[in-house]
N, C-alpha and C. Protein backbone atom coordinates (compact mmCIF):
# COMPACT_ATOMS: atom_id res chain seq x y z
N MET A 1 82.34 -142.63 66.03
CA MET A 1 82.15 -141.24 65.71
C MET A 1 81.89 -140.56 67.31
N THR A 2 80.96 -141.21 68.01
CA THR A 2 80.99 -140.73 69.47
C THR A 2 82.35 -140.44 70.19
N ASP A 3 83.00 -141.56 69.82
CA ASP A 3 84.02 -141.61 71.04
C ASP A 3 85.33 -140.26 70.44
N ASN A 4 85.19 -139.90 69.19
CA ASN A 4 85.57 -139.10 68.45
C ASN A 4 85.41 -137.57 69.09
N PHE A 5 84.07 -137.17 69.05
CA PHE A 5 83.76 -136.09 69.82
C PHE A 5 83.89 -136.12 71.13
N GLU A 6 83.80 -137.19 72.17
CA GLU A 6 84.39 -137.12 73.29
C GLU A 6 85.48 -136.62 73.65
N VAL A 7 86.16 -137.09 72.44
CA VAL A 7 87.88 -136.45 72.77
C VAL A 7 87.77 -134.92 72.42
N LEU A 8 86.83 -134.65 71.09
CA LEU A 8 86.91 -133.47 71.10
C LEU A 8 86.54 -132.57 72.33
N LEU A 9 85.01 -132.99 72.69
CA LEU A 9 84.65 -132.03 74.02
C LEU A 9 85.59 -132.32 75.03
N THR A 10 86.33 -133.14 75.22
CA THR A 10 87.25 -132.85 76.47
C THR A 10 88.41 -131.82 76.17
N ASP A 11 88.82 -132.01 74.73
CA ASP A 11 89.65 -131.14 74.69
C ASP A 11 89.44 -129.76 74.70
N SER A 12 87.86 -129.66 73.78
CA SER A 12 87.21 -128.23 74.14
C SER A 12 87.46 -128.07 75.31
N LYS A 13 86.91 -128.26 76.75
CA LYS A 13 86.77 -128.41 77.82
C LYS A 13 87.96 -128.05 78.53
N ASN A 14 89.14 -128.61 78.11
CA ASN A 14 90.33 -128.15 78.92
C ASN A 14 90.75 -126.83 78.10
N LYS A 15 90.48 -126.51 77.21
CA LYS A 15 90.54 -125.35 76.35
C LYS A 15 89.89 -124.00 77.48
N VAL A 16 88.67 -124.51 77.56
CA VAL A 16 87.63 -123.93 78.12
C VAL A 16 87.85 -123.28 79.65
N ASN A 17 88.88 -124.14 80.60
CA ASN A 17 89.12 -124.31 81.78
C ASN A 17 90.54 -123.35 81.58
N ARG A 18 91.44 -122.91 80.38
CA ARG A 18 92.60 -122.47 80.54
C ARG A 18 92.05 -120.64 80.42
N VAL A 19 91.39 -120.42 79.44
CA VAL A 19 90.99 -119.68 79.11
C VAL A 19 90.52 -118.69 80.46
N TYR A 20 89.50 -119.47 81.00
CA TYR A 20 88.68 -119.01 82.20
C TYR A 20 89.82 -118.58 82.96
N ASN A 21 90.79 -119.52 83.36
CA ASN A 21 91.62 -119.10 84.47
C ASN A 21 92.15 -118.21 84.22
N LEU A 22 92.67 -117.56 82.88
CA LEU A 22 93.29 -116.53 82.55
C LEU A 22 92.40 -115.36 82.40
N VAL A 23 91.30 -115.20 82.50
CA VAL A 23 90.85 -114.07 82.63
C VAL A 23 90.20 -113.84 83.88
N GLN A 24 90.11 -114.90 84.94
CA GLN A 24 90.05 -114.62 86.37
C GLN A 24 90.88 -114.53 86.47
N ALA A 25 92.49 -114.63 86.16
CA ALA A 25 93.72 -113.80 86.75
C ALA A 25 93.65 -112.54 86.39
N SER A 26 93.17 -112.29 85.24
CA SER A 26 93.50 -110.40 84.81
C SER A 26 92.36 -109.86 85.79
N ILE A 27 90.92 -110.36 86.04
CA ILE A 27 89.93 -109.60 86.51
C ILE A 27 90.32 -109.42 88.30
N LYS A 28 91.33 -110.74 88.80
CA LYS A 28 91.74 -110.24 89.91
C LYS A 28 92.68 -109.01 90.30
N LYS A 29 93.53 -109.20 89.48
CA LYS A 29 94.55 -107.89 89.26
C LYS A 29 93.98 -106.47 89.11
N LEU A 30 92.81 -106.47 88.57
CA LEU A 30 92.24 -104.83 88.07
C LEU A 30 91.38 -104.60 89.13
N GLU A 31 91.92 -103.39 89.29
CA GLU A 31 90.58 -102.50 89.88
C GLU A 31 89.68 -101.88 88.63
N PRO A 32 88.80 -101.77 89.33
CA PRO A 32 87.29 -100.75 88.02
C PRO A 32 88.13 -99.51 87.14
N TYR A 33 87.97 -99.90 85.80
CA TYR A 33 88.65 -98.46 84.88
C TYR A 33 87.90 -97.53 85.43
N LYS A 34 88.78 -96.13 85.47
CA LYS A 34 88.46 -94.98 85.63
C LYS A 34 88.33 -94.00 84.38
N ALA A 35 87.24 -93.51 84.21
CA ALA A 35 87.06 -92.81 82.91
C ALA A 35 87.82 -91.44 82.95
N ASP A 36 87.94 -90.94 84.54
CA ASP A 36 88.64 -89.63 84.46
C ASP A 36 89.90 -89.58 84.95
N TYR A 37 90.83 -90.54 84.49
CA TYR A 37 92.26 -91.18 85.15
C TYR A 37 92.75 -90.89 83.66
N ASP A 38 93.89 -90.17 83.68
CA ASP A 38 94.75 -90.37 82.14
C ASP A 38 95.97 -91.39 82.02
N TYR A 39 95.44 -93.08 81.89
CA TYR A 39 96.71 -93.68 82.01
C TYR A 39 97.70 -93.56 81.40
N SER A 40 98.68 -94.52 81.77
CA SER A 40 99.84 -94.59 80.91
C SER A 40 99.82 -95.87 80.07
N TYR A 41 100.62 -95.66 79.13
CA TYR A 41 100.57 -97.03 78.48
C TYR A 41 100.78 -98.19 78.77
N ASP A 42 102.25 -98.14 80.35
CA ASP A 42 101.93 -99.30 81.18
C ASP A 42 101.05 -99.82 82.26
N GLU A 43 100.21 -98.33 82.42
CA GLU A 43 98.78 -98.90 83.29
C GLU A 43 97.78 -99.62 82.21
N LEU A 44 97.63 -98.88 81.09
CA LEU A 44 96.42 -99.51 80.06
C LEU A 44 97.35 -101.14 79.73
N GLU A 45 98.28 -101.57 79.69
CA GLU A 45 98.66 -102.98 79.69
C GLU A 45 97.41 -104.13 79.82
N PRO A 46 97.48 -103.94 81.32
CA PRO A 46 96.68 -104.89 82.22
C PRO A 46 95.06 -105.06 81.39
N TYR A 47 94.69 -103.41 81.33
CA TYR A 47 93.14 -103.80 80.38
C TYR A 47 93.49 -104.17 79.39
N ASP A 48 94.49 -104.15 78.37
CA ASP A 48 94.30 -104.38 77.06
C ASP A 48 94.62 -106.26 77.19
N ALA A 49 94.87 -106.62 78.32
CA ALA A 49 95.13 -108.30 78.26
C ALA A 49 93.87 -108.73 78.67
N LEU A 50 93.46 -108.08 79.40
CA LEU A 50 91.78 -108.21 80.00
C LEU A 50 91.18 -108.83 78.74
N ALA A 51 91.28 -107.83 78.07
CA ALA A 51 90.34 -107.38 76.29
C ALA A 51 90.47 -108.39 75.85
N ASP A 52 91.67 -108.96 75.52
CA ASP A 52 92.37 -109.77 74.55
C ASP A 52 92.15 -111.32 74.90
N ARG A 53 91.95 -111.30 76.33
CA ARG A 53 91.72 -112.81 77.21
C ARG A 53 89.96 -113.27 77.13
N PHE A 54 89.58 -112.00 77.15
CA PHE A 54 87.92 -112.02 77.19
C PHE A 54 87.40 -112.10 75.87
N ILE A 55 87.82 -111.59 74.95
CA ILE A 55 87.34 -112.02 73.43
C ILE A 55 87.54 -113.32 73.17
N ARG A 56 89.33 -113.76 73.43
CA ARG A 56 89.41 -114.93 73.19
C ARG A 56 88.34 -116.32 74.52
N CYS A 57 88.20 -115.96 75.57
CA CYS A 57 87.77 -116.54 76.08
C CYS A 57 86.11 -116.51 75.51
N VAL A 58 85.43 -115.82 75.04
CA VAL A 58 83.97 -115.87 74.74
C VAL A 58 84.06 -116.78 73.12
N GLU A 59 85.60 -116.50 72.69
CA GLU A 59 85.11 -117.50 71.15
C GLU A 59 85.55 -119.34 71.37
N ILE A 60 86.55 -119.31 72.84
CA ILE A 60 86.86 -120.50 73.14
C ILE A 60 85.24 -121.29 73.49
N PHE A 61 84.80 -120.32 74.39
CA PHE A 61 83.61 -120.86 74.88
C PHE A 61 82.46 -121.37 73.52
N ILE A 62 82.37 -120.21 72.70
CA ILE A 62 81.38 -120.62 71.48
C ILE A 62 81.75 -121.81 70.72
N LYS A 63 83.14 -122.48 70.67
CA LYS A 63 83.97 -123.31 69.95
C LYS A 63 83.04 -124.70 70.81
N TYR A 64 83.49 -124.21 72.08
CA TYR A 64 82.64 -125.47 72.76
C TYR A 64 81.24 -125.64 72.71
N PHE A 65 80.79 -124.61 72.54
CA PHE A 65 78.80 -124.90 72.40
C PHE A 65 78.76 -125.66 71.03
N LYS A 66 79.33 -125.78 70.40
CA LYS A 66 79.73 -126.06 69.06
C LYS A 66 79.54 -127.23 69.10
N THR A 67 80.83 -127.85 69.45
CA THR A 67 81.31 -129.23 69.62
C THR A 67 80.01 -129.80 70.60
N TYR A 68 79.75 -129.35 71.56
CA TYR A 68 78.68 -129.98 72.58
C TYR A 68 77.55 -130.07 71.68
N ASP A 69 77.16 -129.11 70.76
CA ASP A 69 75.59 -129.24 70.19
C ASP A 69 75.81 -130.33 68.94
N ILE A 70 76.95 -130.56 68.63
CA ILE A 70 76.86 -131.65 67.38
C ILE A 70 76.82 -133.17 68.29
N TYR A 71 77.63 -133.35 69.36
CA TYR A 71 77.59 -134.38 70.22
C TYR A 71 76.40 -134.78 70.95
N LYS A 72 75.44 -133.86 70.91
CA LYS A 72 74.62 -134.37 71.46
C LYS A 72 73.30 -134.00 70.08
N ASN A 73 73.52 -133.51 69.22
CA ASN A 73 72.14 -133.59 68.35
C ASN A 73 72.46 -133.79 67.18
N ALA A 74 74.04 -134.47 66.77
CA ALA A 74 74.54 -134.93 65.60
C ALA A 74 74.74 -133.89 64.22
N THR A 75 73.54 -132.74 64.37
CA THR A 75 73.48 -131.73 63.43
C THR A 75 73.65 -130.58 63.97
N PRO A 76 74.73 -129.98 63.44
CA PRO A 76 75.09 -128.42 64.14
C PRO A 76 73.70 -127.34 63.77
N THR A 77 73.79 -126.52 64.79
CA THR A 77 73.14 -125.41 64.48
C THR A 77 73.41 -124.51 63.89
N LEU A 78 72.48 -123.96 63.06
CA LEU A 78 73.36 -123.06 62.09
C LEU A 78 73.46 -121.81 62.31
N SER A 79 72.88 -120.99 62.82
CA SER A 79 73.39 -119.44 63.11
C SER A 79 73.39 -119.48 65.03
N TYR A 80 74.13 -118.36 64.99
CA TYR A 80 75.03 -118.13 66.58
C TYR A 80 74.23 -118.25 67.77
N ARG A 81 72.70 -117.11 66.90
CA ARG A 81 71.83 -117.06 68.07
C ARG A 81 71.17 -117.95 68.19
N ASP A 82 70.90 -119.07 67.62
CA ASP A 82 70.23 -120.56 67.55
C ASP A 82 71.11 -121.29 68.59
N LEU A 83 72.50 -121.05 68.61
CA LEU A 83 73.36 -122.16 69.43
C LEU A 83 73.29 -121.48 70.80
N ILE A 84 72.90 -120.14 71.13
CA ILE A 84 73.18 -119.81 72.52
C ILE A 84 71.76 -120.02 72.81
N ASN A 85 70.81 -119.65 72.19
CA ASN A 85 69.54 -120.11 72.48
C ASN A 85 69.46 -121.63 72.59
N THR A 86 70.09 -122.37 72.12
CA THR A 86 69.91 -124.01 72.62
C THR A 86 70.90 -123.90 73.78
N MET A 87 71.87 -123.28 74.08
CA MET A 87 72.57 -123.78 75.77
C MET A 87 71.58 -122.97 76.36
N GLU A 88 70.83 -122.14 76.30
CA GLU A 88 70.42 -121.15 77.36
C GLU A 88 69.12 -122.62 77.60
N LYS A 89 68.63 -123.38 76.65
CA LYS A 89 67.51 -123.97 77.05
C LYS A 89 68.20 -125.40 77.76
N LEU A 90 69.50 -125.84 77.46
CA LEU A 90 69.85 -126.91 78.23
C LEU A 90 70.76 -126.10 79.82
N SER A 91 70.50 -125.22 80.23
CA SER A 91 71.06 -124.49 81.01
C SER A 91 72.31 -124.39 81.10
N ILE A 92 72.97 -124.47 80.12
CA ILE A 92 74.57 -124.01 80.16
C ILE A 92 74.79 -122.63 79.79
N VAL A 93 73.88 -121.83 79.43
CA VAL A 93 73.97 -120.83 79.50
C VAL A 93 72.76 -119.83 80.11
N GLU A 94 73.02 -118.95 80.79
CA GLU A 94 72.11 -118.34 81.79
C GLU A 94 71.30 -117.08 81.05
N SER A 95 71.55 -116.20 79.64
CA SER A 95 71.21 -115.50 79.51
C SER A 95 71.57 -115.50 78.21
N ALA A 96 70.86 -115.89 77.29
CA ALA A 96 71.12 -115.68 75.58
C ALA A 96 71.48 -114.23 75.51
N GLU A 97 70.82 -113.87 75.64
CA GLU A 97 71.01 -112.11 75.27
C GLU A 97 72.39 -111.71 75.89
N THR A 98 72.78 -112.01 76.87
CA THR A 98 73.93 -111.18 77.22
C THR A 98 74.92 -111.86 76.45
N TRP A 99 75.23 -113.31 76.27
CA TRP A 99 76.27 -113.98 75.78
C TRP A 99 76.22 -113.48 73.64
N ILE A 100 74.85 -112.80 73.63
CA ILE A 100 75.02 -112.26 72.42
C ILE A 100 75.66 -111.06 72.71
N GLN A 101 75.30 -110.22 73.67
CA GLN A 101 76.20 -108.60 73.69
C GLN A 101 77.51 -108.87 74.02
N MET A 102 78.05 -110.27 74.47
CA MET A 102 79.42 -110.57 74.93
C MET A 102 80.24 -110.91 73.58
N ARG A 103 79.75 -111.08 72.50
CA ARG A 103 80.31 -111.59 71.38
C ARG A 103 80.62 -110.21 70.25
N THR A 104 79.20 -109.38 70.88
CA THR A 104 79.45 -108.20 69.74
C THR A 104 80.12 -107.19 70.54
N ILE A 105 80.68 -107.66 71.73
CA ILE A 105 81.22 -106.69 72.58
C ILE A 105 82.97 -106.19 71.63
N ARG A 106 83.43 -107.48 71.12
CA ARG A 106 84.72 -107.80 70.45
C ARG A 106 84.85 -106.76 69.42
N ASN A 107 83.66 -106.59 68.28
CA ASN A 107 83.87 -105.56 67.67
C ASN A 107 84.07 -104.01 67.98
N LYS A 108 83.24 -103.87 69.01
CA LYS A 108 83.73 -102.67 70.02
C LYS A 108 84.95 -102.10 70.15
N MET A 109 85.61 -103.09 70.91
CA MET A 109 86.86 -103.01 71.18
C MET A 109 87.71 -102.48 70.28
N VAL A 110 87.59 -102.98 69.23
CA VAL A 110 88.38 -102.55 67.90
C VAL A 110 88.95 -100.89 67.93
N HIS A 111 87.50 -100.35 68.39
CA HIS A 111 87.61 -99.01 67.99
C HIS A 111 87.87 -98.05 68.97
N ASP A 112 88.79 -97.06 68.83
CA ASP A 112 88.81 -95.88 69.84
C ASP A 112 87.57 -95.50 70.71
N TYR A 113 87.57 -95.32 71.73
CA TYR A 113 86.12 -94.74 72.30
C TYR A 113 86.57 -93.84 73.09
N LEU A 114 85.23 -92.93 73.88
CA LEU A 114 85.63 -92.40 74.84
C LEU A 114 85.81 -92.92 76.17
N PRO A 115 86.57 -92.30 77.26
CA PRO A 115 87.01 -92.61 78.22
C PRO A 115 85.75 -93.23 79.26
N GLU A 116 85.08 -92.93 78.86
CA GLU A 116 83.34 -92.99 79.45
C GLU A 116 82.66 -94.56 78.78
N GLN A 117 82.97 -94.41 77.58
CA GLN A 117 82.83 -95.64 76.72
C GLN A 117 83.22 -96.74 77.24
N THR A 118 84.92 -96.24 77.21
CA THR A 118 85.72 -97.91 77.29
C THR A 118 85.36 -98.08 78.98
N LYS A 119 85.21 -97.02 79.69
CA LYS A 119 84.86 -97.45 81.45
C LYS A 119 83.54 -98.35 81.65
N ILE A 120 82.51 -98.39 80.22
CA ILE A 120 81.24 -99.31 80.51
C ILE A 120 81.82 -100.70 79.90
N MET A 121 82.59 -100.92 78.77
CA MET A 121 83.15 -101.74 78.21
C MET A 121 83.58 -102.77 79.51
N PHE A 122 84.49 -102.16 80.03
CA PHE A 122 85.16 -103.07 80.87
C PHE A 122 84.45 -103.27 81.98
N ASP A 123 83.54 -102.32 82.56
CA ASP A 123 82.22 -102.61 83.78
C ASP A 123 81.89 -103.75 83.58
N GLU A 124 81.35 -103.84 82.48
CA GLU A 124 80.65 -104.76 81.40
C GLU A 124 81.61 -106.09 81.65
N ILE A 125 82.85 -106.18 81.18
CA ILE A 125 83.56 -107.11 81.16
C ILE A 125 84.04 -107.98 82.55
N MET A 126 83.95 -106.72 83.58
CA MET A 126 84.40 -107.87 84.72
C MET A 126 83.40 -107.70 85.90
N ASN A 127 81.91 -107.68 85.44
CA ASN A 127 81.17 -107.73 86.66
C ASN A 127 79.70 -108.93 85.65
N LYS A 128 79.21 -108.23 84.69
CA LYS A 128 78.13 -108.86 83.98
C LYS A 128 78.55 -109.60 83.10
N PHE A 129 79.54 -109.33 82.40
CA PHE A 129 79.91 -110.78 81.44
C PHE A 129 80.46 -112.16 82.11
N TRP A 130 81.47 -111.42 83.30
CA TRP A 130 82.13 -112.07 84.00
C TRP A 130 80.87 -113.69 84.92
N GLN A 131 80.08 -112.72 85.46
CA GLN A 131 79.07 -113.77 85.85
C GLN A 131 78.86 -114.68 84.95
N GLN A 132 78.28 -114.33 83.82
CA GLN A 132 77.91 -115.49 82.57
C GLN A 132 79.13 -116.19 82.61
N ILE A 133 80.22 -116.05 82.52
CA ILE A 133 81.36 -116.78 81.93
C ILE A 133 81.02 -117.78 83.55
N LYS A 134 81.13 -117.24 84.49
CA LYS A 134 81.51 -118.10 85.84
C LYS A 134 80.17 -119.29 86.08
N PHE A 135 78.71 -118.74 85.51
CA PHE A 135 77.76 -119.73 85.46
C PHE A 135 78.07 -120.72 84.48
N THR A 136 78.52 -120.47 83.05
CA THR A 136 78.75 -121.30 82.50
C THR A 136 79.86 -122.47 82.67
N LYS A 137 80.91 -121.82 83.08
CA LYS A 137 81.94 -122.46 83.43
C LYS A 137 81.32 -123.80 84.17
N LEU A 138 80.57 -123.42 85.30
CA LEU A 138 80.21 -124.33 86.21
C LEU A 138 79.35 -125.44 85.69
N ALA A 139 78.73 -124.85 84.68
CA ALA A 139 77.86 -126.25 83.75
C ALA A 139 77.98 -126.44 83.07
N ILE A 140 79.48 -126.33 82.28
CA ILE A 140 80.15 -127.36 81.75
C ILE A 140 81.12 -127.81 82.53
N ASP A 141 81.26 -127.73 83.98
CA ASP A 141 81.88 -128.48 84.62
C ASP A 141 81.27 -129.33 84.95
N GLU A 142 79.30 -129.62 85.19
CA GLU A 142 78.56 -130.45 85.42
C GLU A 142 78.22 -131.35 84.48
N ILE A 143 78.58 -131.01 83.33
CA ILE A 143 78.51 -132.07 82.19
C ILE A 143 78.25 -133.24 82.12
N LYS A 144 79.25 -133.60 82.21
CA LYS A 144 79.47 -135.28 82.23
C LYS A 144 78.54 -135.56 83.44
N SER A 145 78.21 -135.31 84.71
CA SER A 145 77.10 -135.55 85.31
C SER A 145 75.73 -135.66 84.77
N ARG A 146 75.58 -135.32 83.56
CA ARG A 146 74.08 -135.25 83.10
C ARG A 146 73.57 -136.51 82.69
């Protein structure tokens, strides 16, 4: 069973690497979102791509956390909050509370918001949340050496 989970963990880690690189590529191309600017559809497209990639990134990281949790503990953690808290205790996640915010932002993104609220969401993705993702990616990269 351990061998199967090592294969799953490796596969999950590869997915983390791919989605991380996609989000990083989107962030590198974008300027901070301007609330007072009337974006054309073409100008909004890269922000939409970032939003989609960010949501997918968070979900893939969570799948990795679940796989790692089962690999280490043999019994899966039941709630998302408990899972994130476990990852924080293992120093894989720097801030459990920020990861909880990151997961809930996907629900906000499906609604139309005022430009000021949209700016806040993109600022969080490109700064606060991106810092958390980078920290976690480095921690995941180090896991084999633990």
